[in-house]
Amino acid sequence: MLAAEDARVSGAPEMAPLVTGLRSADPRVVVQAVRALGRFERPELVKQILPLVTHSRTEVRAEALNALGQALARVPRAVDDKATVPPEVSTASRTLMARIRIDPNPYASGVAAETLGRLPYRTAQAVAEAEQVLASILPPPPGSAPIGRGTQPLARVGQPASVTGAGACAIR
C-alpha cells in the first residue's frame, strides 16, 4: 500500500493494494488505504471513498471525510475558471453536510465541517448552503437571546470538538 501511494499509481492493477486495504478488517489498514486514495487528489476516487464515511469506527469515518476533500483539492476554485466542476464536488458537499448533522462522534463531525470548508465552491448558493450548515454547529454569540427548544445549534448539545472544524473554516 505504501509503495502504491508513494508512486501515485493511476491504473487499476497498481491501485489493487489500496482497494483491498479499504476492505480490511483492521481499521488501521483501512485508514491508511483511504488516506492514500485522498492523497491522489483525483475526483473520480470519491466513489471509492464514500462508503467509508459511514464506517463503524470513528477513525475510519474521520479519515474518509478528510479524504473526500483531499480528492477534490486539484479542482479549480476560481469563479471565472472555464473548467467544468466535477459532479463529485456536489456529492462530497451533500455527504459532508449530512455527516455534520448526524455523525454521533464530535471528532468525525468536526472533520466533516473542516472538510466542507475546503471544498472548491464556484457559486454563491453553494457557499451559502455550506455556511448555513457550519453556522448551525457554532455556539451563539455571547449575550444573544436564548434559543428556543428544538432550534438549538448542535454546539449547545454536543462537544466543543464538534465545532473545531467549523471554526477553522470561519477564519480562512
N, C-alpha and C. Protein backbone atom coordinates (compact mmCIF):
# COMPACT_ATOMS: atom_id res chain seq x y z
N MET A 1 0.83 -1.19 0.00
CA MET A 1 0.00 0.00 0.00
C MET A 1 0.87 1.26 0.00
N LEU A 2 1.92 1.25 0.79
CA LEU A 2 2.79 2.43 0.84
C LEU A 2 3.48 2.68 -0.49
N ALA A 3 3.89 1.61 -1.15
CA ALA A 3 4.55 1.76 -2.45
C ALA A 3 3.58 2.32 -3.48
N ALA A 4 2.34 1.85 -3.46
CA ALA A 4 1.33 2.34 -4.40
C ALA A 4 1.04 3.82 -4.15
N GLU A 5 0.93 4.19 -2.88
CA GLU A 5 0.67 5.59 -2.55
C GLU A 5 1.85 6.47 -2.95
N ASP A 6 3.04 6.06 -2.62
CA ASP A 6 4.22 6.84 -2.90
C ASP A 6 4.44 7.03 -4.41
N ALA A 7 4.13 6.00 -5.18
CA ALA A 7 4.31 6.07 -6.63
C ALA A 7 3.18 6.84 -7.32
N ARG A 8 2.13 7.19 -6.58
CA ARG A 8 0.96 7.88 -7.16
C ARG A 8 0.46 7.14 -8.39
N VAL A 9 0.26 5.84 -8.20
CA VAL A 9 -0.17 4.99 -9.30
C VAL A 9 -1.51 5.47 -9.85
N SER A 10 -1.80 5.09 -11.09
CA SER A 10 -3.05 5.52 -11.69
C SER A 10 -3.90 4.38 -12.25
N GLY A 11 -3.28 3.28 -12.55
CA GLY A 11 -4.03 2.17 -13.13
C GLY A 11 -4.64 1.27 -12.08
N ALA A 12 -5.70 0.58 -12.46
CA ALA A 12 -6.40 -0.32 -11.54
C ALA A 12 -5.50 -1.41 -10.97
N PRO A 13 -4.66 -2.05 -11.79
CA PRO A 13 -3.81 -3.10 -11.21
C PRO A 13 -2.85 -2.57 -10.14
N GLU A 14 -2.31 -1.37 -10.37
CA GLU A 14 -1.38 -0.80 -9.40
C GLU A 14 -2.09 -0.32 -8.13
N MET A 15 -3.37 0.02 -8.26
CA MET A 15 -4.14 0.50 -7.12
C MET A 15 -4.77 -0.63 -6.32
N ALA A 16 -4.66 -1.85 -6.80
CA ALA A 16 -5.29 -3.00 -6.15
C ALA A 16 -4.96 -3.11 -4.65
N PRO A 17 -3.71 -2.89 -4.23
CA PRO A 17 -3.44 -2.99 -2.79
C PRO A 17 -4.25 -1.99 -1.96
N LEU A 18 -4.47 -0.80 -2.50
CA LEU A 18 -5.25 0.21 -1.78
C LEU A 18 -6.73 -0.17 -1.73
N VAL A 19 -7.25 -0.63 -2.84
CA VAL A 19 -8.66 -1.05 -2.88
C VAL A 19 -8.88 -2.23 -1.94
N THR A 20 -7.94 -3.14 -1.92
CA THR A 20 -8.03 -4.28 -0.99
C THR A 20 -7.97 -3.78 0.45
N GLY A 21 -7.10 -2.79 0.72
CA GLY A 21 -6.98 -2.22 2.05
C GLY A 21 -8.27 -1.59 2.55
N LEU A 22 -9.09 -1.07 1.64
CA LEU A 22 -10.37 -0.47 2.03
C LEU A 22 -11.31 -1.50 2.65
N ARG A 23 -11.11 -2.76 2.32
CA ARG A 23 -11.99 -3.84 2.81
C ARG A 23 -11.38 -4.62 3.97
N SER A 24 -10.28 -4.16 4.50
CA SER A 24 -9.60 -4.87 5.58
C SER A 24 -10.43 -4.86 6.86
N ALA A 25 -10.25 -5.88 7.66
CA ALA A 25 -10.90 -5.95 8.97
C ALA A 25 -10.15 -5.09 9.99
N ASP A 26 -8.91 -4.73 9.69
CA ASP A 26 -8.10 -3.91 10.58
C ASP A 26 -8.34 -2.43 10.26
N PRO A 27 -8.93 -1.67 11.18
CA PRO A 27 -9.24 -0.27 10.89
C PRO A 27 -8.00 0.57 10.58
N ARG A 28 -6.84 0.19 11.11
CA ARG A 28 -5.62 0.94 10.80
C ARG A 28 -5.26 0.81 9.32
N VAL A 29 -5.49 -0.36 8.77
CA VAL A 29 -5.21 -0.59 7.35
C VAL A 29 -6.21 0.20 6.50
N VAL A 30 -7.46 0.21 6.90
CA VAL A 30 -8.49 0.95 6.17
C VAL A 30 -8.17 2.44 6.19
N VAL A 31 -7.78 2.96 7.34
CA VAL A 31 -7.41 4.37 7.45
C VAL A 31 -6.26 4.69 6.50
N GLN A 32 -5.26 3.86 6.48
CA GLN A 32 -4.11 4.09 5.60
C GLN A 32 -4.53 4.05 4.13
N ALA A 33 -5.38 3.12 3.77
CA ALA A 33 -5.81 3.00 2.38
C ALA A 33 -6.66 4.19 1.93
N VAL A 34 -7.59 4.61 2.77
CA VAL A 34 -8.46 5.72 2.38
C VAL A 34 -7.68 7.03 2.36
N ARG A 35 -6.73 7.19 3.27
CA ARG A 35 -5.88 8.38 3.26
C ARG A 35 -5.09 8.43 1.95
N ALA A 36 -4.57 7.29 1.54
CA ALA A 36 -3.79 7.23 0.29
C ALA A 36 -4.65 7.61 -0.90
N LEU A 37 -5.89 7.12 -0.95
CA LEU A 37 -6.77 7.47 -2.08
C LEU A 37 -7.02 8.98 -2.12
N GLY A 38 -7.23 9.58 -0.98
CA GLY A 38 -7.42 11.03 -0.95
C GLY A 38 -6.20 11.78 -1.44
N ARG A 39 -5.04 11.31 -1.08
CA ARG A 39 -3.80 11.99 -1.46
C ARG A 39 -3.53 11.98 -2.96
N PHE A 40 -4.21 11.12 -3.68
CA PHE A 40 -4.06 11.12 -5.14
C PHE A 40 -4.69 12.37 -5.76
N GLU A 41 -5.58 13.04 -4.99
CA GLU A 41 -6.25 14.26 -5.44
C GLU A 41 -6.95 14.06 -6.78
N ARG A 42 -7.71 12.98 -6.87
CA ARG A 42 -8.44 12.65 -8.10
C ARG A 42 -9.92 12.51 -7.79
N PRO A 43 -10.76 13.40 -8.33
CA PRO A 43 -12.19 13.38 -8.04
C PRO A 43 -12.86 12.03 -8.32
N GLU A 44 -12.38 11.31 -9.31
CA GLU A 44 -13.02 10.03 -9.65
C GLU A 44 -12.88 8.99 -8.53
N LEU A 45 -11.99 9.23 -7.58
CA LEU A 45 -11.83 8.29 -6.47
C LEU A 45 -12.84 8.53 -5.33
N VAL A 46 -13.61 9.60 -5.43
CA VAL A 46 -14.63 9.89 -4.41
C VAL A 46 -15.58 8.72 -4.25
N LYS A 47 -15.94 8.08 -5.35
CA LYS A 47 -16.90 6.96 -5.26
C LYS A 47 -16.35 5.79 -4.44
N GLN A 48 -15.03 5.64 -4.38
CA GLN A 48 -14.45 4.57 -3.56
C GLN A 48 -14.31 4.99 -2.10
N ILE A 49 -14.24 6.29 -1.86
CA ILE A 49 -14.10 6.82 -0.51
C ILE A 49 -15.46 6.88 0.20
N LEU A 50 -16.50 7.24 -0.54
CA LEU A 50 -17.82 7.47 0.05
C LEU A 50 -18.35 6.38 0.98
N PRO A 51 -18.24 5.11 0.65
CA PRO A 51 -18.81 4.10 1.56
C PRO A 51 -18.19 4.11 2.96
N LEU A 52 -16.99 4.64 3.08
CA LEU A 52 -16.31 4.62 4.37
C LEU A 52 -16.74 5.74 5.31
N VAL A 53 -17.52 6.71 4.83
CA VAL A 53 -17.96 7.80 5.72
C VAL A 53 -19.01 7.31 6.72
N THR A 54 -19.51 6.09 6.53
CA THR A 54 -20.47 5.52 7.49
C THR A 54 -19.88 4.32 8.21
N HIS A 55 -18.58 4.14 8.13
CA HIS A 55 -17.91 3.01 8.79
C HIS A 55 -18.21 3.02 10.29
N SER A 56 -18.19 1.88 10.90
CA SER A 56 -18.49 1.78 12.34
C SER A 56 -17.41 2.41 13.22
N ARG A 57 -16.18 2.51 12.71
CA ARG A 57 -15.08 3.07 13.51
C ARG A 57 -14.91 4.56 13.22
N THR A 58 -14.86 5.35 14.27
CA THR A 58 -14.73 6.80 14.14
C THR A 58 -13.50 7.21 13.35
N GLU A 59 -12.37 6.57 13.62
CA GLU A 59 -11.14 6.97 12.95
C GLU A 59 -11.21 6.73 11.44
N VAL A 60 -11.93 5.71 11.03
CA VAL A 60 -12.10 5.44 9.59
C VAL A 60 -13.02 6.49 8.99
N ARG A 61 -14.15 6.76 9.67
CA ARG A 61 -15.08 7.79 9.16
C ARG A 61 -14.36 9.13 9.02
N ALA A 62 -13.62 9.51 10.04
CA ALA A 62 -12.94 10.80 10.01
C ALA A 62 -11.94 10.88 8.86
N GLU A 63 -11.18 9.83 8.66
CA GLU A 63 -10.19 9.84 7.57
C GLU A 63 -10.89 9.85 6.22
N ALA A 64 -12.00 9.14 6.09
CA ALA A 64 -12.75 9.15 4.83
C ALA A 64 -13.32 10.55 4.55
N LEU A 65 -13.82 11.21 5.58
CA LEU A 65 -14.35 12.57 5.41
C LEU A 65 -13.25 13.52 4.98
N ASN A 66 -12.09 13.39 5.56
CA ASN A 66 -10.95 14.20 5.17
C ASN A 66 -10.52 13.87 3.74
N ALA A 67 -10.50 12.59 3.39
CA ALA A 67 -10.08 12.16 2.06
C ALA A 67 -11.01 12.69 0.96
N LEU A 68 -12.28 12.89 1.29
CA LEU A 68 -13.20 13.48 0.30
C LEU A 68 -12.69 14.85 -0.14
N GLY A 69 -12.34 15.67 0.81
CA GLY A 69 -11.82 17.00 0.47
C GLY A 69 -10.49 16.93 -0.24
N GLN A 70 -9.63 16.03 0.20
CA GLN A 70 -8.32 15.89 -0.42
C GLN A 70 -8.44 15.42 -1.87
N ALA A 71 -9.38 14.53 -2.14
CA ALA A 71 -9.58 14.03 -3.51
C ALA A 71 -10.00 15.16 -4.46
N LEU A 72 -10.57 16.22 -3.90
CA LEU A 72 -11.05 17.34 -4.72
C LEU A 72 -10.11 18.54 -4.69
N ALA A 73 -8.94 18.38 -4.11
CA ALA A 73 -8.01 19.50 -3.91
C ALA A 73 -7.54 20.15 -5.21
N ARG A 74 -7.47 19.41 -6.28
CA ARG A 74 -6.98 19.97 -7.55
C ARG A 74 -8.08 20.60 -8.40
N VAL A 75 -9.31 20.52 -7.96
CA VAL A 75 -10.40 21.14 -8.72
C VAL A 75 -10.23 22.66 -8.62
N PRO A 76 -10.20 23.36 -9.77
CA PRO A 76 -10.01 24.82 -9.73
C PRO A 76 -11.10 25.50 -8.92
N ARG A 77 -10.71 26.53 -8.17
CA ARG A 77 -11.62 27.24 -7.28
C ARG A 77 -12.10 28.57 -7.84
N ALA A 78 -11.44 29.11 -8.84
CA ALA A 78 -11.78 30.43 -9.35
C ALA A 78 -13.17 30.43 -10.00
N VAL A 79 -13.96 31.44 -9.67
CA VAL A 79 -15.32 31.55 -10.20
C VAL A 79 -15.30 31.67 -11.72
N ASP A 80 -14.31 32.35 -12.25
CA ASP A 80 -14.24 32.55 -13.70
C ASP A 80 -13.52 31.43 -14.44
N ASP A 81 -13.13 30.38 -13.73
CA ASP A 81 -12.46 29.25 -14.37
C ASP A 81 -13.44 28.56 -15.32
N LYS A 82 -12.99 28.24 -16.50
CA LYS A 82 -13.85 27.64 -17.53
C LYS A 82 -13.99 26.12 -17.37
N ALA A 83 -13.16 25.53 -16.55
CA ALA A 83 -13.22 24.07 -16.35
C ALA A 83 -14.54 23.69 -15.68
N THR A 84 -15.09 22.60 -16.11
CA THR A 84 -16.33 22.10 -15.54
C THR A 84 -16.07 21.56 -14.13
N VAL A 85 -16.98 21.87 -13.24
CA VAL A 85 -16.86 21.34 -11.88
C VAL A 85 -17.31 19.88 -11.92
N PRO A 86 -16.48 18.96 -11.46
CA PRO A 86 -16.88 17.55 -11.49
C PRO A 86 -18.06 17.30 -10.56
N PRO A 87 -18.94 16.38 -10.92
CA PRO A 87 -20.12 16.10 -10.08
C PRO A 87 -19.75 15.61 -8.68
N GLU A 88 -18.54 15.12 -8.52
CA GLU A 88 -18.10 14.64 -7.21
C GLU A 88 -18.07 15.76 -6.16
N VAL A 89 -17.93 17.01 -6.60
CA VAL A 89 -17.93 18.13 -5.65
C VAL A 89 -19.29 18.22 -4.97
N SER A 90 -20.34 18.15 -5.75
CA SER A 90 -21.69 18.19 -5.19
C SER A 90 -21.97 16.98 -4.30
N THR A 91 -21.53 15.82 -4.75
CA THR A 91 -21.72 14.60 -3.96
C THR A 91 -21.00 14.71 -2.62
N ALA A 92 -19.76 15.18 -2.65
CA ALA A 92 -18.99 15.32 -1.41
C ALA A 92 -19.63 16.36 -0.50
N SER A 93 -20.08 17.47 -1.07
CA SER A 93 -20.70 18.52 -0.27
C SER A 93 -21.95 18.01 0.45
N ARG A 94 -22.83 17.34 -0.27
CA ARG A 94 -24.05 16.79 0.34
C ARG A 94 -23.71 15.77 1.43
N THR A 95 -22.73 14.93 1.16
CA THR A 95 -22.32 13.92 2.13
C THR A 95 -21.77 14.57 3.40
N LEU A 96 -20.91 15.55 3.23
CA LEU A 96 -20.32 16.22 4.38
C LEU A 96 -21.38 16.94 5.22
N MET A 97 -22.31 17.63 4.55
CA MET A 97 -23.38 18.31 5.27
C MET A 97 -24.21 17.32 6.09
N ALA A 98 -24.47 16.18 5.50
CA ALA A 98 -25.25 15.16 6.22
C ALA A 98 -24.46 14.63 7.42
N ARG A 99 -23.19 14.36 7.23
CA ARG A 99 -22.39 13.81 8.33
C ARG A 99 -22.23 14.82 9.47
N ILE A 100 -22.15 16.10 9.15
CA ILE A 100 -22.08 17.12 10.19
C ILE A 100 -23.31 17.03 11.09
N ARG A 101 -24.44 16.81 10.47
CA ARG A 101 -25.70 16.78 11.22
C ARG A 101 -25.92 15.48 11.98
N ILE A 102 -25.44 14.35 11.43
CA ILE A 102 -25.85 13.07 12.02
C ILE A 102 -24.74 12.23 12.62
N ASP A 103 -23.48 12.57 12.38
CA ASP A 103 -22.42 11.71 12.92
C ASP A 103 -22.45 11.78 14.45
N PRO A 104 -22.45 10.63 15.10
CA PRO A 104 -22.55 10.62 16.56
C PRO A 104 -21.27 11.04 17.28
N ASN A 105 -20.17 11.14 16.56
CA ASN A 105 -18.91 11.47 17.20
C ASN A 105 -18.50 12.90 16.88
N PRO A 106 -18.23 13.73 17.89
CA PRO A 106 -17.87 15.13 17.64
C PRO A 106 -16.59 15.29 16.83
N TYR A 107 -15.65 14.38 16.99
CA TYR A 107 -14.42 14.47 16.21
C TYR A 107 -14.71 14.29 14.72
N ALA A 108 -15.47 13.26 14.39
CA ALA A 108 -15.80 13.00 12.98
C ALA A 108 -16.63 14.13 12.39
N SER A 109 -17.60 14.64 13.14
CA SER A 109 -18.40 15.75 12.61
C SER A 109 -17.56 17.01 12.45
N GLY A 110 -16.56 17.19 13.32
CA GLY A 110 -15.65 18.32 13.18
C GLY A 110 -14.78 18.20 11.94
N VAL A 111 -14.32 16.99 11.65
CA VAL A 111 -13.55 16.76 10.42
C VAL A 111 -14.44 17.03 9.20
N ALA A 112 -15.69 16.62 9.28
CA ALA A 112 -16.63 16.88 8.18
C ALA A 112 -16.81 18.39 7.98
N ALA A 113 -16.91 19.14 9.07
CA ALA A 113 -17.07 20.59 8.97
C ALA A 113 -15.83 21.24 8.35
N GLU A 114 -14.67 20.83 8.81
CA GLU A 114 -13.44 21.40 8.25
C GLU A 114 -13.31 21.06 6.76
N THR A 115 -13.64 19.84 6.40
CA THR A 115 -13.55 19.43 5.00
C THR A 115 -14.56 20.18 4.15
N LEU A 116 -15.75 20.40 4.67
CA LEU A 116 -16.76 21.16 3.94
C LEU A 116 -16.23 22.56 3.60
N GLY A 117 -15.50 23.14 4.51
CA GLY A 117 -14.92 24.45 4.27
C GLY A 117 -13.79 24.46 3.26
N ARG A 118 -13.23 23.31 2.95
CA ARG A 118 -12.11 23.22 1.99
C ARG A 118 -12.56 22.93 0.57
N LEU A 119 -13.83 22.66 0.36
CA LEU A 119 -14.28 22.28 -0.98
C LEU A 119 -14.20 23.46 -1.94
N PRO A 120 -14.05 23.17 -3.23
CA PRO A 120 -13.96 24.23 -4.24
C PRO A 120 -15.35 24.71 -4.67
N TYR A 121 -15.80 25.80 -4.09
CA TYR A 121 -17.12 26.36 -4.43
C TYR A 121 -16.98 27.38 -5.53
N ARG A 122 -17.97 27.40 -6.43
CA ARG A 122 -17.94 28.37 -7.53
C ARG A 122 -19.19 29.23 -7.59
N THR A 123 -20.18 28.91 -6.76
CA THR A 123 -21.40 29.72 -6.78
C THR A 123 -21.71 30.23 -5.38
N ALA A 124 -22.39 31.36 -5.34
CA ALA A 124 -22.79 31.94 -4.06
C ALA A 124 -23.76 31.02 -3.34
N GLN A 125 -24.61 30.35 -4.09
CA GLN A 125 -25.58 29.44 -3.47
C GLN A 125 -24.87 28.28 -2.77
N ALA A 126 -23.87 27.72 -3.40
CA ALA A 126 -23.14 26.61 -2.78
C ALA A 126 -22.43 27.08 -1.51
N VAL A 127 -21.86 28.26 -1.54
CA VAL A 127 -21.19 28.81 -0.36
C VAL A 127 -22.22 29.05 0.75
N ALA A 128 -23.37 29.61 0.39
CA ALA A 128 -24.41 29.89 1.38
C ALA A 128 -24.91 28.61 2.04
N GLU A 129 -25.08 27.55 1.28
CA GLU A 129 -25.54 26.29 1.85
C GLU A 129 -24.52 25.73 2.85
N ALA A 130 -23.26 25.76 2.47
CA ALA A 130 -22.21 25.28 3.37
C ALA A 130 -22.13 26.17 4.61
N GLU A 131 -22.22 27.46 4.41
CA GLU A 131 -22.16 28.41 5.53
C GLU A 131 -23.30 28.17 6.52
N GLN A 132 -24.48 27.90 6.00
CA GLN A 132 -25.64 27.66 6.86
C GLN A 132 -25.42 26.42 7.74
N VAL A 133 -24.90 25.37 7.14
CA VAL A 133 -24.65 24.14 7.91
C VAL A 133 -23.56 24.39 8.95
N LEU A 134 -22.50 25.06 8.57
CA LEU A 134 -21.42 25.34 9.51
C LEU A 134 -21.90 26.24 10.65
N ALA A 135 -22.70 27.24 10.33
CA ALA A 135 -23.22 28.14 11.36
C ALA A 135 -24.12 27.40 12.34
N SER A 136 -24.78 26.35 11.87
CA SER A 136 -25.70 25.62 12.75
C SER A 136 -24.98 24.88 13.87
N ILE A 137 -23.68 24.67 13.74
CA ILE A 137 -22.98 23.95 14.80
C ILE A 137 -22.11 24.87 15.65
N LEU A 138 -22.10 26.16 15.31
CA LEU A 138 -21.35 27.11 16.12
C LEU A 138 -22.23 27.62 17.27
N PRO A 139 -21.61 27.90 18.41
CA PRO A 139 -22.41 28.43 19.52
C PRO A 139 -22.89 29.84 19.20
N PRO A 140 -23.99 30.25 19.81
CA PRO A 140 -24.48 31.61 19.57
C PRO A 140 -23.51 32.64 20.17
N PRO A 141 -23.51 33.86 19.64
CA PRO A 141 -22.62 34.88 20.18
C PRO A 141 -22.95 35.18 21.64
N PRO A 142 -21.96 35.56 22.43
CA PRO A 142 -22.22 35.89 23.83
C PRO A 142 -23.25 37.02 23.93
N GLY A 143 -24.15 36.87 24.88
CA GLY A 143 -25.17 37.89 25.10
C GLY A 143 -26.37 37.80 24.19
N SER A 144 -26.40 36.82 23.29
CA SER A 144 -27.56 36.70 22.40
C SER A 144 -28.72 36.10 23.18
N ALA A 145 -29.90 36.30 22.67
CA ALA A 145 -31.10 35.79 23.33
C ALA A 145 -31.07 34.27 23.37
N PRO A 146 -31.66 33.68 24.39
CA PRO A 146 -31.74 32.22 24.44
C PRO A 146 -32.44 31.67 23.21
N ILE A 147 -32.01 30.50 22.82
CA ILE A 147 -32.60 29.85 21.64
C ILE A 147 -33.70 28.93 22.11
N GLY A 148 -34.82 28.98 21.42
CA GLY A 148 -35.98 28.17 21.80
C GLY A 148 -35.74 26.67 21.64
N ARG A 149 -36.54 25.93 22.36
CA ARG A 149 -36.46 24.47 22.30
C ARG A 149 -36.66 23.96 20.88
N GLY A 150 -35.85 23.01 20.49
CA GLY A 150 -35.97 22.42 19.15
C GLY A 150 -35.19 23.17 18.09
N THR A 151 -34.65 24.34 18.42
CA THR A 151 -33.90 25.10 17.43
C THR A 151 -32.46 25.34 17.87
N GLN A 152 -32.03 24.62 18.89
CA GLN A 152 -30.68 24.83 19.41
C GLN A 152 -29.63 24.38 18.42
N PRO A 153 -28.55 25.17 18.31
CA PRO A 153 -27.43 24.70 17.48
C PRO A 153 -26.86 23.42 18.08
N LEU A 154 -26.29 22.61 17.25
CA LEU A 154 -25.71 21.36 17.72
C LEU A 154 -24.65 21.61 18.79
N ALA A 155 -23.96 22.75 18.72
CA ALA A 155 -22.90 23.04 19.68
C ALA A 155 -23.43 23.12 21.10
N ARG A 156 -24.68 23.50 21.26
CA ARG A 156 -25.25 23.60 22.60
C ARG A 156 -25.48 22.22 23.21
N VAL A 157 -25.65 21.21 22.39
CA VAL A 157 -25.92 19.88 22.91
C VAL A 157 -24.77 18.92 22.64
N GLY A 158 -23.76 19.36 21.95
CA GLY A 158 -22.64 18.50 21.59
C GLY A 158 -21.40 18.82 22.39
N GLN A 159 -20.29 18.46 21.86
CA GLN A 159 -18.99 18.64 22.49
C GLN A 159 -18.26 19.79 21.80
N PRO A 160 -17.35 20.46 22.49
CA PRO A 160 -16.57 21.51 21.84
C PRO A 160 -15.82 21.01 20.60
N ALA A 161 -15.41 19.76 20.61
CA ALA A 161 -14.69 19.22 19.45
C ALA A 161 -15.53 19.26 18.18
N SER A 162 -16.84 19.25 18.33
CA SER A 162 -17.70 19.24 17.13
C SER A 162 -17.69 20.55 16.39
N VAL A 163 -17.24 21.64 17.03
CA VAL A 163 -17.21 22.93 16.35
C VAL A 163 -15.82 23.33 15.88
N THR A 164 -14.81 22.55 16.20
CA THR A 164 -13.45 22.89 15.82
C THR A 164 -13.32 23.08 14.30
N GLY A 165 -13.86 22.17 13.55
CA GLY A 165 -13.77 22.28 12.09
C GLY A 165 -14.48 23.49 11.55
N ALA A 166 -15.66 23.79 12.07
CA ALA A 166 -16.41 24.95 11.61
C ALA A 166 -15.65 26.22 11.94
N GLY A 167 -15.05 26.29 13.10
CA GLY A 167 -14.27 27.46 13.48
C GLY A 167 -13.05 27.63 12.60
N ALA A 168 -12.40 26.54 12.25
CA ALA A 168 -11.22 26.61 11.36
C ALA A 168 -11.61 27.16 10.00
N CYS A 169 -12.80 26.79 9.52
CA CYS A 169 -13.26 27.28 8.22
C CYS A 169 -13.59 28.77 8.28
N ALA A 170 -14.12 29.22 9.41
CA ALA A 170 -14.55 30.60 9.55
C ALA A 170 -13.37 31.57 9.49
N ILE A 171 -12.18 31.11 9.87
CA ILE A 171 -11.03 32.02 9.88
C ILE A 171 -10.20 31.95 8.60
N ARG A 172 -10.58 31.14 7.65
CA ARG A 172 -9.84 31.03 6.40
C ARG A 172 -10.14 32.19 5.49
